[in-house]
N, C-alpha and C. Protein backbone atom coordinates (compact mmCIF):
# COMPACT_ATOMS: atom_id res chain seq x y z
N MET A 1 20.70 9.09 24.36
CA MET A 1 19.86 10.19 25.41
C MET A 1 18.99 9.52 25.87
N THR A 2 19.16 9.22 26.98
CA THR A 2 17.32 8.84 28.17
C THR A 2 17.67 9.82 28.71
N ILE A 3 16.19 10.65 27.65
CA ILE A 3 15.66 11.10 28.08
C ILE A 3 14.33 11.49 29.93
N THR A 4 14.62 12.72 30.75
CA THR A 4 14.00 12.62 31.72
C THR A 4 13.76 13.92 31.65
N CYS A 5 12.32 13.55 32.30
CA CYS A 5 11.58 14.88 32.71
C CYS A 5 11.77 16.40 32.80
N LYS A 6 13.32 16.46 33.72
CA LYS A 6 14.11 17.40 32.86
C LYS A 6 14.63 17.72 31.95
N LEU A 7 15.11 17.15 31.27
CA LEU A 7 15.56 16.57 29.63
C LEU A 7 14.02 17.41 29.61
N LEU A 8 12.67 17.28 28.92
CA LEU A 8 11.82 17.66 28.16
C LEU A 8 11.69 18.53 28.12
N LEU A 9 11.43 19.52 29.69
CA LEU A 9 11.14 21.21 29.63
C LEU A 9 12.42 21.65 28.87
N GLN A 10 13.63 21.54 29.19
CA GLN A 10 14.32 21.85 27.98
C GLN A 10 14.96 22.37 27.62
N ASN A 11 14.10 21.00 26.60
CA ASN A 11 14.44 21.20 24.45
C ASN A 11 12.80 21.50 24.42
N HIS A 12 11.72 20.82 25.36
CA HIS A 12 10.50 22.34 24.49
C HIS A 12 10.15 23.36 25.78
N ALA A 13 10.84 24.24 25.69
CA ALA A 13 10.85 25.05 26.40
C ALA A 13 9.41 25.91 25.97
N GLN A 14 9.71 26.47 24.78
CA GLN A 14 8.65 26.70 24.22
C GLN A 14 6.81 26.30 24.35
N ASP A 15 7.44 25.23 24.18
CA ASP A 15 6.06 24.36 23.93
C ASP A 15 5.17 24.29 25.69
N TRP A 16 5.78 24.23 26.27
CA TRP A 16 6.20 24.04 27.48
C TRP A 16 5.46 25.90 29.00
N GLN A 17 6.25 26.74 28.22
CA GLN A 17 5.83 28.05 28.23
C GLN A 17 4.12 28.17 28.17
N GLU A 18 4.14 27.85 26.86
CA GLU A 18 2.53 28.25 26.18
C GLU A 18 1.82 27.43 26.68
N ALA A 19 1.66 25.93 27.75
CA ALA A 19 1.08 25.64 28.42
C ALA A 19 1.05 25.96 29.33
N THR A 20 1.89 26.98 30.06
CA THR A 20 1.70 27.63 31.74
C THR A 20 1.10 28.71 31.38
N VAL A 21 1.68 29.23 30.47
CA VAL A 21 1.55 31.05 31.07
C VAL A 21 0.74 31.16 29.71
N HIS A 22 -0.46 32.21 30.44
CA HIS A 22 -1.97 32.66 29.04
C HIS A 22 -2.02 33.77 29.60
N PRO A 23 -2.77 34.58 28.44
CA PRO A 23 -3.01 35.99 29.43
C PRO A 23 -5.10 35.05 30.06
N PHE A 24 -5.03 34.16 30.25
CA PHE A 24 -6.48 33.59 31.13
C PHE A 24 -5.81 33.82 32.55
N LEU A 25 -4.32 33.33 32.71
CA LEU A 25 -4.18 33.05 34.46
C LEU A 25 -3.71 34.80 34.42
N GLU A 26 -2.94 35.00 34.04
CA GLU A 26 -2.74 37.03 34.01
C GLU A 26 -3.64 37.78 34.06
N GLN A 27 -4.67 36.88 33.54
CA GLN A 27 -6.35 38.41 34.01
C GLN A 27 -6.62 37.85 35.76
N CYS A 28 -6.73 37.08 35.90
CA CYS A 28 -7.04 36.30 37.40
C CYS A 28 -6.05 36.55 38.21
N GLN A 29 -4.40 36.81 38.19
CA GLN A 29 -3.26 37.29 38.60
C GLN A 29 -4.22 38.89 38.90
N LEU A 30 -4.61 39.92 37.96
CA LEU A 30 -4.71 41.23 37.97
C LEU A 30 -6.09 41.22 38.20
N GLY A 31 -7.27 39.93 38.75
CA GLY A 31 -7.95 40.26 39.08
C GLY A 31 -9.49 40.91 38.10
N ILE A 32 -8.94 40.56 36.97
CA ILE A 32 -10.04 41.12 36.13
C ILE A 32 -10.35 40.36 34.59
N ILE A 33 -9.98 39.19 35.36
CA ILE A 33 -11.49 37.35 33.88
C ILE A 33 -12.22 38.07 34.19
N GLN A 34 -12.84 37.61 33.01
CA GLN A 34 -14.08 37.52 33.01
C GLN A 34 -14.64 36.39 34.15
N PRO A 35 -16.42 36.81 35.23
CA PRO A 35 -17.07 35.49 35.45
C PRO A 35 -17.11 34.20 34.11
N GLN A 36 -17.98 35.24 33.16
CA GLN A 36 -18.43 33.63 32.48
C GLN A 36 -17.07 32.76 31.51
N GLN A 37 -15.50 33.36 31.83
CA GLN A 37 -13.95 32.74 30.94
C GLN A 37 -13.70 32.13 32.25
N PHE A 38 -14.13 32.46 34.30
CA PHE A 38 -13.69 31.27 34.65
C PHE A 38 -14.47 30.45 35.25
N ASN A 39 -15.71 30.81 34.54
CA ASN A 39 -16.75 29.92 35.08
C ASN A 39 -16.44 28.65 33.93
N THR A 40 -16.11 29.24 33.28
CA THR A 40 -16.38 28.62 31.71
C THR A 40 -15.14 27.53 31.84
N TRP A 41 -14.05 27.56 32.98
CA TRP A 41 -12.86 27.08 32.96
C TRP A 41 -13.04 25.79 34.00
N LEU A 42 -13.88 26.84 34.86
CA LEU A 42 -13.85 26.16 36.18
C LEU A 42 -15.02 24.42 35.62
N MET A 43 -16.30 25.11 34.84
CA MET A 43 -16.58 23.88 34.65
C MET A 43 -16.78 22.73 33.82
N GLN A 44 -15.90 22.99 32.64
CA GLN A 44 -14.63 22.77 31.54
C GLN A 44 -13.59 21.62 32.49
N ASP A 45 -13.50 22.13 33.37
CA ASP A 45 -12.40 21.09 34.67
C ASP A 45 -12.73 20.68 34.57
N TYR A 46 -13.71 20.20 35.40
CA TYR A 46 -14.51 19.46 36.87
C TYR A 46 -14.75 18.49 35.48
N LEU A 47 -15.09 18.53 34.37
CA LEU A 47 -15.42 17.54 33.66
C LEU A 47 -14.10 16.55 32.84
N PHE A 48 -13.08 17.70 33.39
CA PHE A 48 -12.04 17.38 32.73
C PHE A 48 -10.97 16.22 33.61
N VAL A 49 -10.81 16.79 35.39
CA VAL A 49 -10.74 16.30 36.61
C VAL A 49 -11.72 14.95 36.40
N VAL A 50 -12.73 14.28 36.23
CA VAL A 50 -13.70 12.91 35.91
C VAL A 50 -12.48 12.10 35.65
N GLU A 51 -12.86 12.97 34.32
CA GLU A 51 -11.86 11.76 33.51
C GLU A 51 -10.98 11.29 33.71
N PHE A 52 -9.30 12.73 34.27
CA PHE A 52 -7.61 12.68 34.23
C PHE A 52 -7.96 11.65 35.76
N THR A 53 -9.38 11.46 36.98
CA THR A 53 -9.04 11.14 38.24
C THR A 53 -9.21 8.91 37.68
N ARG A 54 -10.07 8.55 36.18
CA ARG A 54 -9.88 7.89 35.88
C ARG A 54 -8.69 7.39 34.90
N MET A 55 -8.09 7.99 34.60
CA MET A 55 -7.03 8.18 33.76
C MET A 55 -5.48 7.54 34.72
N VAL A 56 -5.90 8.35 36.10
CA VAL A 56 -5.13 7.71 37.49
C VAL A 56 -4.88 6.59 37.83
N GLY A 57 -6.62 6.42 37.87
CA GLY A 57 -6.59 4.95 38.46
C GLY A 57 -5.76 3.50 37.28
N ARG A 58 -5.64 3.96 35.92
CA ARG A 58 -5.63 3.37 35.45
C ARG A 58 -3.94 3.32 35.39
N VAL A 59 -3.49 4.20 35.82
CA VAL A 59 -1.70 4.51 35.52
C VAL A 59 -1.60 3.63 36.69
N LEU A 60 -2.67 3.85 38.01
CA LEU A 60 -2.27 3.17 39.24
C LEU A 60 -2.13 1.39 38.90
N ALA A 61 -3.42 1.12 37.73
CA ALA A 61 -3.33 -0.44 37.53
C ALA A 61 -1.56 -1.22 36.86
N SER A 62 -1.36 -0.08 36.42
CA SER A 62 0.32 -0.46 35.37
C SER A 62 1.44 -0.10 35.86
N ALA A 63 1.46 0.62 37.71
CA ALA A 63 2.69 0.97 37.87
C ALA A 63 3.37 0.44 39.06
N PRO A 64 4.23 0.32 39.12
CA PRO A 64 5.37 -1.23 39.74
C PRO A 64 4.48 -0.65 41.67
N PRO A 65 4.90 -1.24 41.74
CA PRO A 65 3.71 -1.29 43.51
C PRO A 65 4.70 -0.15 44.62
N GLU A 66 6.30 -0.61 44.16
CA GLU A 66 6.80 0.90 45.18
C GLU A 66 6.30 2.28 44.25
N HIS A 67 5.43 2.39 43.91
CA HIS A 67 4.34 3.58 43.28
C HIS A 67 3.92 3.97 43.53
N PHE A 68 2.57 2.88 44.17
CA PHE A 68 1.56 2.53 44.51
C PHE A 68 1.35 3.82 45.79
N ASP A 69 2.47 3.87 46.72
CA ASP A 69 2.39 4.90 47.46
C ASP A 69 1.90 6.60 46.76
N VAL A 70 2.98 6.86 46.10
CA VAL A 70 2.50 8.71 45.58
C VAL A 70 1.35 8.48 44.63
N ILE A 71 0.54 7.60 44.17
CA ILE A 71 -0.11 7.34 43.43
C ILE A 71 -1.27 7.54 43.93
N LEU A 72 -1.71 6.88 44.94
CA LEU A 72 -3.04 6.52 45.40
C LEU A 72 -2.95 7.43 46.25
N GLY A 73 -2.28 8.42 47.28
CA GLY A 73 -1.86 9.69 47.53
C GLY A 73 -2.96 11.02 46.28
N GLY A 74 -2.83 10.43 44.95
CA GLY A 74 -3.22 11.73 44.14
C GLY A 74 -4.58 11.06 44.21
N LEU A 75 -4.62 9.83 44.27
CA LEU A 75 -5.56 8.96 44.17
C LEU A 75 -6.53 9.98 44.87
N ALA A 76 -6.78 10.23 46.53
CA ALA A 76 -6.79 10.30 47.36
C ALA A 76 -6.97 12.21 47.22
N ALA A 77 -5.97 13.06 46.55
CA ALA A 77 -6.38 13.51 46.57
C ALA A 77 -7.66 14.69 45.46
N LEU A 78 -8.13 13.70 44.88
CA LEU A 78 -8.84 14.08 43.35
C LEU A 78 -10.34 13.38 44.25
N LYS A 79 -9.94 12.70 44.55
CA LYS A 79 -11.28 12.91 45.93
C LYS A 79 -12.22 14.23 45.97
N ASP A 80 -10.81 14.83 47.05
CA ASP A 80 -11.68 15.76 48.11
C ASP A 80 -11.11 17.04 46.52
N GLU A 81 -10.56 17.08 45.07
CA GLU A 81 -10.18 17.87 44.23
C GLU A 81 -11.72 17.50 43.75
N LEU A 82 -12.62 17.28 43.75
CA LEU A 82 -13.60 16.91 43.09
C LEU A 82 -14.73 17.54 43.79
N ASN A 83 -15.12 17.08 44.88
CA ASN A 83 -16.05 17.24 45.81
C ASN A 83 -16.03 18.98 46.29
N TRP A 84 -14.49 19.55 45.71
CA TRP A 84 -14.42 20.76 45.83
C TRP A 84 -14.96 21.55 45.16
N PHE A 85 -14.75 21.19 43.38
CA PHE A 85 -15.17 21.53 42.33
C PHE A 85 -16.28 22.11 43.05
N GLN A 86 -17.37 21.01 43.25
CA GLN A 86 -18.63 20.97 43.69
C GLN A 86 -18.96 21.87 44.43
N GLU A 87 -18.47 22.19 45.11
CA GLU A 87 -18.75 23.15 45.89
C GLU A 87 -18.43 24.79 45.48
N LYS A 88 -17.53 24.38 44.58
CA LYS A 88 -17.71 26.11 44.40
C LYS A 88 -18.83 26.54 42.88
N ALA A 89 -18.57 25.23 43.06
CA ALA A 89 -19.55 25.68 41.53
C ALA A 89 -20.97 26.14 41.83
N THR A 90 -21.77 25.68 43.42
CA THR A 90 -22.60 25.50 44.07
C THR A 90 -22.25 27.18 44.21
N GLN A 91 -21.55 27.38 44.91
CA GLN A 91 -21.51 28.77 45.03
C GLN A 91 -21.79 29.89 44.08
N ARG A 92 -21.40 29.18 42.94
CA ARG A 92 -20.97 30.19 41.92
C ARG A 92 -22.99 30.10 40.73
N GLN A 93 -23.59 29.56 41.98
CA GLN A 93 -25.04 28.66 41.10
C GLN A 93 -24.49 28.69 39.52
N LEU A 94 -23.69 27.17 39.39
CA LEU A 94 -23.61 26.19 38.01
C LEU A 94 -23.88 25.68 38.25
N ASN A 95 -24.59 24.96 36.59
CA ASN A 95 -24.90 23.86 36.39
C ASN A 95 -23.71 22.71 35.45
N LEU A 96 -23.06 21.25 36.74
CA LEU A 96 -22.41 20.83 35.73
C LEU A 96 -22.11 19.68 34.93
N ASN A 97 -23.57 19.68 35.07
CA ASN A 97 -24.09 18.62 33.87
C ASN A 97 -24.66 18.75 33.03
N ILE A 98 -23.14 19.33 31.67
CA ILE A 98 -22.92 20.08 30.74
C ILE A 98 -22.44 19.16 30.04
N LYS A 99 -22.44 19.00 28.88
CA LYS A 99 -21.95 19.06 27.62
C LYS A 99 -19.99 19.29 27.88
N LYS A 100 -19.16 18.46 27.36
CA LYS A 100 -17.56 19.14 26.90
C LYS A 100 -17.53 19.24 25.83
N GLN A 101 -16.86 20.67 25.57
CA GLN A 101 -17.03 21.51 24.69
C GLN A 101 -15.94 20.67 23.91
N PRO A 102 -15.92 20.80 22.81
CA PRO A 102 -14.84 19.93 21.29
C PRO A 102 -12.77 20.27 21.96
N THR A 103 -12.31 21.05 23.23
CA THR A 103 -11.04 21.14 23.49
C THR A 103 -11.13 20.47 24.36
N CYS A 104 -12.27 20.08 25.58
CA CYS A 104 -12.38 19.47 27.01
C CYS A 104 -12.25 17.95 26.16
N ARG A 105 -13.42 17.84 25.21
CA ARG A 105 -13.48 16.51 24.64
C ARG A 105 -12.49 15.49 24.23
N GLU A 106 -11.30 16.46 23.53
CA GLU A 106 -10.34 15.71 22.52
C GLU A 106 -9.00 15.70 23.94
N TYR A 107 -8.95 15.91 24.56
CA TYR A 107 -7.77 16.44 25.93
C TYR A 107 -8.19 14.75 26.64
N CYS A 108 -9.60 14.71 27.03
CA CYS A 108 -10.12 13.97 27.36
C CYS A 108 -10.09 12.70 27.07
N GLU A 109 -10.42 12.74 25.49
CA GLU A 109 -10.16 11.15 25.02
C GLU A 109 -8.78 11.31 24.64
N TYR A 110 -8.15 11.86 24.98
CA TYR A 110 -6.22 11.41 24.33
C TYR A 110 -6.16 10.96 25.65
N ILE A 111 -6.33 11.68 27.27
CA ILE A 111 -6.20 10.87 27.86
C ILE A 111 -6.44 9.17 27.96
N GLN A 112 -7.90 9.10 28.23
CA GLN A 112 -8.27 8.00 27.88
C GLN A 112 -7.56 6.74 27.07
N SER A 113 -6.61 6.85 25.87
CA SER A 113 -6.23 7.03 24.99
C SER A 113 -4.54 6.29 25.87
N LEU A 114 -4.15 6.67 26.58
CA LEU A 114 -2.66 6.56 27.25
C LEU A 114 -2.80 5.05 27.65
N ALA A 115 -4.03 4.28 28.11
CA ALA A 115 -4.91 2.88 28.70
C ALA A 115 -3.59 1.75 27.50
N ASP A 116 -3.46 2.52 26.95
CA ASP A 116 -2.71 1.63 25.32
C ASP A 116 -1.30 1.93 26.02
N LYS A 117 -0.64 2.13 26.25
CA LYS A 117 1.20 2.89 26.55
C LYS A 117 1.23 2.07 27.94
N PRO A 118 2.68 1.71 27.44
CA PRO A 118 3.93 1.68 28.62
C PRO A 118 3.33 2.06 29.77
N TYR A 119 3.18 2.01 30.75
CA TYR A 119 3.20 2.79 32.09
C TYR A 119 4.73 4.07 31.99
N SER A 120 5.85 3.57 31.75
CA SER A 120 6.88 4.73 31.51
C SER A 120 6.33 6.20 30.23
N VAL A 121 5.37 5.36 29.06
CA VAL A 121 4.40 6.85 29.09
C VAL A 121 3.63 7.26 29.90
N GLN A 122 2.72 6.37 30.51
CA GLN A 122 2.12 6.93 30.89
C GLN A 122 2.10 7.70 32.56
N ALA A 123 2.81 7.18 32.66
CA ALA A 123 4.29 8.27 34.12
C ALA A 123 4.23 9.40 33.83
N THR A 124 4.72 9.38 32.55
CA THR A 124 5.49 10.68 31.82
C THR A 124 4.18 12.07 31.77
N ALA A 125 2.86 11.67 31.11
CA ALA A 125 1.72 12.39 30.73
C ALA A 125 0.90 12.39 32.07
N PHE A 126 1.39 11.99 33.13
CA PHE A 126 1.06 12.25 35.01
C PHE A 126 1.22 12.61 35.70
N TRP A 127 2.49 12.66 34.79
CA TRP A 127 3.84 14.20 35.83
C TRP A 127 3.08 15.44 34.79
N ALA A 128 3.16 15.64 33.49
CA ALA A 128 2.78 16.96 33.13
C ALA A 128 1.68 17.41 33.71
N ILE A 129 1.10 16.94 33.85
CA ILE A 129 -0.48 17.15 33.89
C ILE A 129 -0.55 18.34 34.97
N GLU A 130 -0.29 17.86 35.74
CA GLU A 130 -0.19 17.53 37.34
C GLU A 130 1.04 18.85 37.77
N LEU A 131 1.75 19.18 36.29
CA LEU A 131 2.91 20.10 36.75
C LEU A 131 2.58 21.40 35.85
N ALA A 132 2.11 21.15 35.25
CA ALA A 132 0.74 22.39 33.96
C ALA A 132 0.16 22.73 34.96
N TYR A 133 -0.90 21.93 36.14
CA TYR A 133 -1.72 23.19 37.15
C TYR A 133 -0.95 23.26 37.55
N ASN A 134 0.48 22.98 38.60
CA ASN A 134 2.01 23.86 39.26
C ASN A 134 1.51 24.90 39.29
N GLN A 135 2.10 24.75 38.01
CA GLN A 135 2.74 26.04 37.22
C GLN A 135 2.24 26.91 37.00
N GLY A 136 0.88 26.61 36.45
CA GLY A 136 0.08 27.17 35.34
C GLY A 136 -0.24 28.66 36.98
N TRP A 137 -0.55 28.01 38.14
CA TRP A 137 -0.92 28.20 39.05
C TRP A 137 -0.28 29.44 39.99
N GLN A 138 1.32 29.17 39.95
CA GLN A 138 1.61 29.04 41.02
C GLN A 138 2.29 30.43 39.62
N LEU A 139 3.13 30.57 38.79
CA LEU A 139 3.94 31.69 37.82
C LEU A 139 3.58 32.92 37.83
N PRO A 140 2.27 33.14 37.71
CA PRO A 140 1.78 34.31 37.50
C PRO A 140 2.08 34.90 39.32
N GLY A 141 2.20 34.34 40.51
CA GLY A 141 2.10 34.93 41.49
C GLY A 141 1.22 35.59 42.54
N LYS A 142 1.68 36.13 43.55
CA LYS A 142 -0.45 35.71 44.42
C LYS A 142 -1.20 36.79 43.70
N MET A 143 -2.38 35.56 43.97
CA MET A 143 -3.73 36.38 42.96
C MET A 143 -3.93 36.85 44.03
N PRO A 144 -5.81 37.39 43.28
CA PRO A 144 -6.17 38.44 44.80
C PRO A 144 -7.86 37.60 44.85
N ALA A 145 -8.51 37.72 45.52
CA ALA A 145 -10.27 36.96 46.13
C ALA A 145 -10.75 37.17 44.86
N PRO A 146 -11.18 35.79 44.13
CA PRO A 146 -11.47 34.31 45.46
C PRO A 146 -10.83 33.80 43.86
N TYR A 147 -9.76 34.28 42.79
CA TYR A 147 -8.94 33.65 42.47
C TYR A 147 -7.11 32.53 43.32
N ASN A 148 -7.00 33.64 44.73
CA ASN A 148 -6.04 33.40 45.92
C ASN A 148 -6.91 31.17 45.64
N GLU A 149 -7.38 31.47 45.99
CA GLU A 149 -8.15 29.88 46.23
C GLU A 149 -7.58 29.27 45.42
N PHE A 150 -7.95 28.72 44.45
CA PHE A 150 -7.33 28.18 42.96
C PHE A 150 -5.75 28.24 42.93
N ALA A 151 -5.22 29.18 43.22
CA ALA A 151 -3.51 29.24 43.08
C ALA A 151 -2.89 28.26 43.29
N GLN A 152 -3.67 28.75 45.19
CA GLN A 152 -2.89 27.87 46.58
C GLN A 152 -2.95 26.64 46.61
N ARG A 153 -4.75 26.17 45.40
CA ARG A 153 -4.77 24.58 45.78
C ARG A 153 -3.84 23.49 44.65
N TRP A 154 -3.39 24.31 43.31
CA TRP A 154 -2.46 23.74 43.00
C TRP A 154 -0.58 24.71 42.99
N GLY A 155 -0.40 25.45 43.79
CA GLY A 155 0.25 26.39 43.54
C GLY A 155 1.14 26.08 45.04
N ASN A 156 0.21 25.52 45.77
CA ASN A 156 1.33 25.99 47.20
C ASN A 156 2.20 24.49 47.58
N ILE A 157 3.33 24.42 48.23
CA ILE A 157 3.88 23.94 48.26
C ILE A 157 4.60 22.67 48.57
N ASP A 158 2.98 21.64 49.27
CA ASP A 158 3.23 20.91 49.09
C ASP A 158 2.65 19.56 48.09
N PHE A 159 1.71 20.95 46.55
CA PHE A 159 1.67 20.36 45.82
C PHE A 159 3.50 19.95 44.47
N THR A 160 4.33 21.20 45.20
CA THR A 160 4.88 21.07 44.04
C THR A 160 6.04 19.79 44.46
N LYS A 161 5.64 19.66 45.27
CA LYS A 161 6.91 18.51 46.02
C LYS A 161 5.91 17.32 45.35
N TYR A 162 4.81 16.88 44.92
CA TYR A 162 3.81 15.93 44.38
C TYR A 162 4.01 15.58 43.84
N VAL A 163 4.67 16.16 43.27
CA VAL A 163 4.69 16.78 41.17
C VAL A 163 6.18 16.16 40.46
N LYS A 164 7.30 17.23 41.94
CA LYS A 164 8.43 16.11 42.13
C LYS A 164 8.60 14.87 42.32
N LEU A 165 8.03 14.34 43.11
CA LEU A 165 7.59 12.72 43.75
C LEU A 165 7.27 12.28 42.27
N LEU A 166 6.08 12.58 41.67
CA LEU A 166 5.92 11.57 40.02
C LEU A 166 6.55 12.21 39.54
N SER A 167 8.05 13.52 39.12
CA SER A 167 8.82 13.02 37.44
C SER A 167 9.91 12.33 38.49
N GLN A 168 10.20 12.16 39.70
CA GLN A 168 11.38 11.08 40.35
C GLN A 168 10.48 9.51 39.75
N GLN A 169 9.43 9.13 39.85
CA GLN A 169 8.66 7.55 39.03
C GLN A 169 9.02 7.77 37.82
N ALA A 170 8.38 9.77 37.06
CA ALA A 170 8.68 8.72 35.84
C ALA A 170 9.95 8.85 34.90
N ASP A 171 10.68 9.19 35.66
CA ASP A 171 12.58 9.35 35.55
C ASP A 171 13.57 8.05 35.94
N GLU A 172 12.66 6.53 36.94
CA GLU A 172 13.77 6.03 37.30
C GLU A 172 12.97 4.81 35.97
N VAL A 173 11.61 5.63 35.81
CA VAL A 173 11.15 3.92 34.76
C VAL A 173 11.45 3.98 32.97
N LEU A 174 11.75 5.96 32.24
CA LEU A 174 12.43 6.07 31.47
C LEU A 174 13.70 6.10 31.81
N GLU A 175 14.43 5.65 32.18
CA GLU A 175 15.65 5.25 32.19
C GLU A 175 16.71 3.71 31.91
N THR A 176 15.06 3.01 32.05
CA THR A 176 15.10 1.37 31.58
C THR A 176 13.95 2.01 30.03
N ALA A 177 13.70 2.47 29.81
CA ALA A 177 13.06 1.89 28.91
C ALA A 177 13.52 2.38 26.92
N GLU A 178 12.55 1.35 26.23
CA GLU A 178 13.85 1.19 25.02
C GLU A 178 13.47 2.37 24.36
N GLU A 179 14.08 3.00 23.91
CA GLU A 179 14.06 4.27 23.20
C GLU A 179 13.03 4.54 21.85
N HIS A 180 12.46 3.83 21.32
CA HIS A 180 10.84 3.58 20.53
C HIS A 180 9.18 4.62 21.73
N ILE A 181 9.85 3.92 23.00
CA ILE A 181 9.25 4.34 24.21
C ILE A 181 9.26 5.32 25.20
N GLN A 182 10.49 6.00 25.31
CA GLN A 182 11.11 7.07 25.41
C GLN A 182 10.32 7.94 24.37
N LYS A 183 10.63 7.48 22.67
CA LYS A 183 10.16 8.32 21.91
C LYS A 183 8.27 8.94 22.21
N GLN A 184 8.26 7.99 22.45
CA GLN A 184 6.13 8.29 22.95
C GLN A 184 5.71 8.70 24.41
N ALA A 185 7.14 9.15 24.87
CA ALA A 185 6.91 9.65 25.82
C ALA A 185 7.28 11.36 25.83
N GLU A 186 7.39 11.59 25.20
CA GLU A 186 8.12 12.52 24.54
C GLU A 186 7.70 12.98 23.97
N GLU A 187 6.36 12.32 23.16
CA GLU A 187 5.01 12.35 22.53
C GLU A 187 3.88 13.00 23.34
N SER A 188 4.01 12.26 24.65
CA SER A 188 3.02 12.15 25.59
C SER A 188 3.17 14.13 26.11
N PHE A 189 3.96 14.22 26.67
CA PHE A 189 4.50 15.25 26.74
C PHE A 189 3.98 16.61 25.95
N LEU A 190 4.69 16.70 24.24
CA LEU A 190 4.03 17.81 23.96
C LEU A 190 2.42 18.31 23.52
N MET A 191 1.99 16.66 23.71
CA MET A 191 0.58 16.60 23.39
C MET A 191 -0.01 17.07 24.41
N VAL A 192 0.17 17.17 25.83
CA VAL A 192 0.12 17.02 27.09
C VAL A 192 0.33 18.99 26.92
N ALA A 193 1.32 19.67 26.97
CA ALA A 193 1.73 20.64 26.30
C ALA A 193 0.60 21.61 25.58
N LYS A 194 0.21 21.44 24.04
CA LYS A 194 -0.55 21.72 23.41
C LYS A 194 -2.06 21.52 24.18
N PHE A 195 -2.39 20.09 24.88
CA PHE A 195 -3.92 20.39 24.88
C PHE A 195 -4.36 21.40 26.61
N GLU A 196 -3.06 21.78 26.99
CA GLU A 196 -2.79 22.73 28.41
C GLU A 196 -3.40 24.17 27.47
N HIS A 197 -2.31 23.91 26.90
CA HIS A 197 -2.46 25.30 25.97
C HIS A 197 -3.94 25.75 25.70
N ASN A 198 -4.36 24.68 25.17
CA ASN A 198 -5.47 25.14 23.97
C ASN A 198 -6.90 24.23 25.23
N PHE A 199 -6.44 24.37 26.43
CA PHE A 199 -8.08 24.59 27.31
C PHE A 199 -7.55 25.93 27.79
N TRP A 200 -6.73 26.77 28.16
CA TRP A 200 -6.88 28.22 28.30
C TRP A 200 -7.02 28.53 27.64
N GLN A 201 -6.74 28.69 26.16
CA GLN A 201 -7.54 28.81 24.93
C GLN A 201 -9.48 29.32 25.35
N MET A 202 -9.94 27.97 25.42
CA MET A 202 -10.94 27.59 25.43
C MET A 202 -11.81 28.00 25.99
N ALA A 203 -10.82 28.52 26.92
CA ALA A 203 -11.66 29.57 28.52
C ALA A 203 -12.17 31.29 28.29
N PHE A 204 -10.72 31.51 28.07
CA PHE A 204 -10.02 32.66 27.73
C PHE A 204 -11.26 33.42 25.82
N HIS A 205 -11.36 32.45 25.73
CA HIS A 205 -12.48 32.90 24.41
C HIS A 205 -14.10 32.56 24.11
N THR A 206 -14.12 32.41 25.25
CA THR A 206 -15.50 31.62 25.48
C THR A 206 -16.31 32.43 24.97
N ALA A 207 -17.82 32.20 23.89
CA ALA A 207 -18.34 33.03 23.77
C ALA A 207 -19.90 32.57 24.76
N GLN A 208 -19.71 31.39 25.28
CA GLN A 208 -21.00 31.09 25.35
C GLN A 208 -20.70 29.43 26.27
N PHE A 209 -21.44 29.31 27.54
CA PHE A 209 -21.41 27.99 28.11
C PHE A 209 -22.49 26.63 27.08
N CYS A 210 -22.08 25.75 27.50
CA CYS A 210 -22.23 24.73 26.25
C CYS A 210 -24.03 24.60 26.99
N ASP A 211 -24.66 23.33 26.19
CA ASP A 211 -25.58 23.89 26.68
C ASP A 211 -26.16 23.07 27.41
N ALA A 212 -26.48 23.14 28.39
CA ALA A 212 -26.71 21.39 30.12
C ALA A 212 -27.17 20.70 28.62
N GLU A 213 -27.66 19.35 29.52
CA GLU A 213 -27.25 18.21 28.92
C GLU A 213 -29.27 17.49 29.22
């Protein structure tokens, strides 16, 4: 049976729930997340998005030309997102020149390793990462300020449509991928789910900020 994005979500529903439903997000929705927890997430996520931008550039390098428009749109959005992270950090008087915490470092190393994988594997991981942002911030429901701005950035309708386009592109190349490549794509989906869960855990259970470099 050919693997599709929909099938991955169905077959690994528990893994995906753990990736997108977490007390960190629930407490944002309730307005009771501690500033230190949220700031840790923001700083570490900025560092992740820097590496994710590089990953998307590598995905573009592997993609067929007919997939360029969607991927280039994603890259343009990431440029805006990095600037936005910097603005949020300035508002909160946070220093983004910090070390990656182990979870963030391991996730970044994983997405770097995808450069050696076939495009169908990269496309699946790309979709899964963006879907995790989309659903993670969307599922809790309406959030109070200041967290509503974060929820709106990744939970809005246009971002949902973008994620759908990524799933269509992943499905397109998975349809003709050999069985062992499809297996690798499935493994990449599960790795993304694991790391997304761990990332929320990292911020939720943070004890202190990383030391500045």
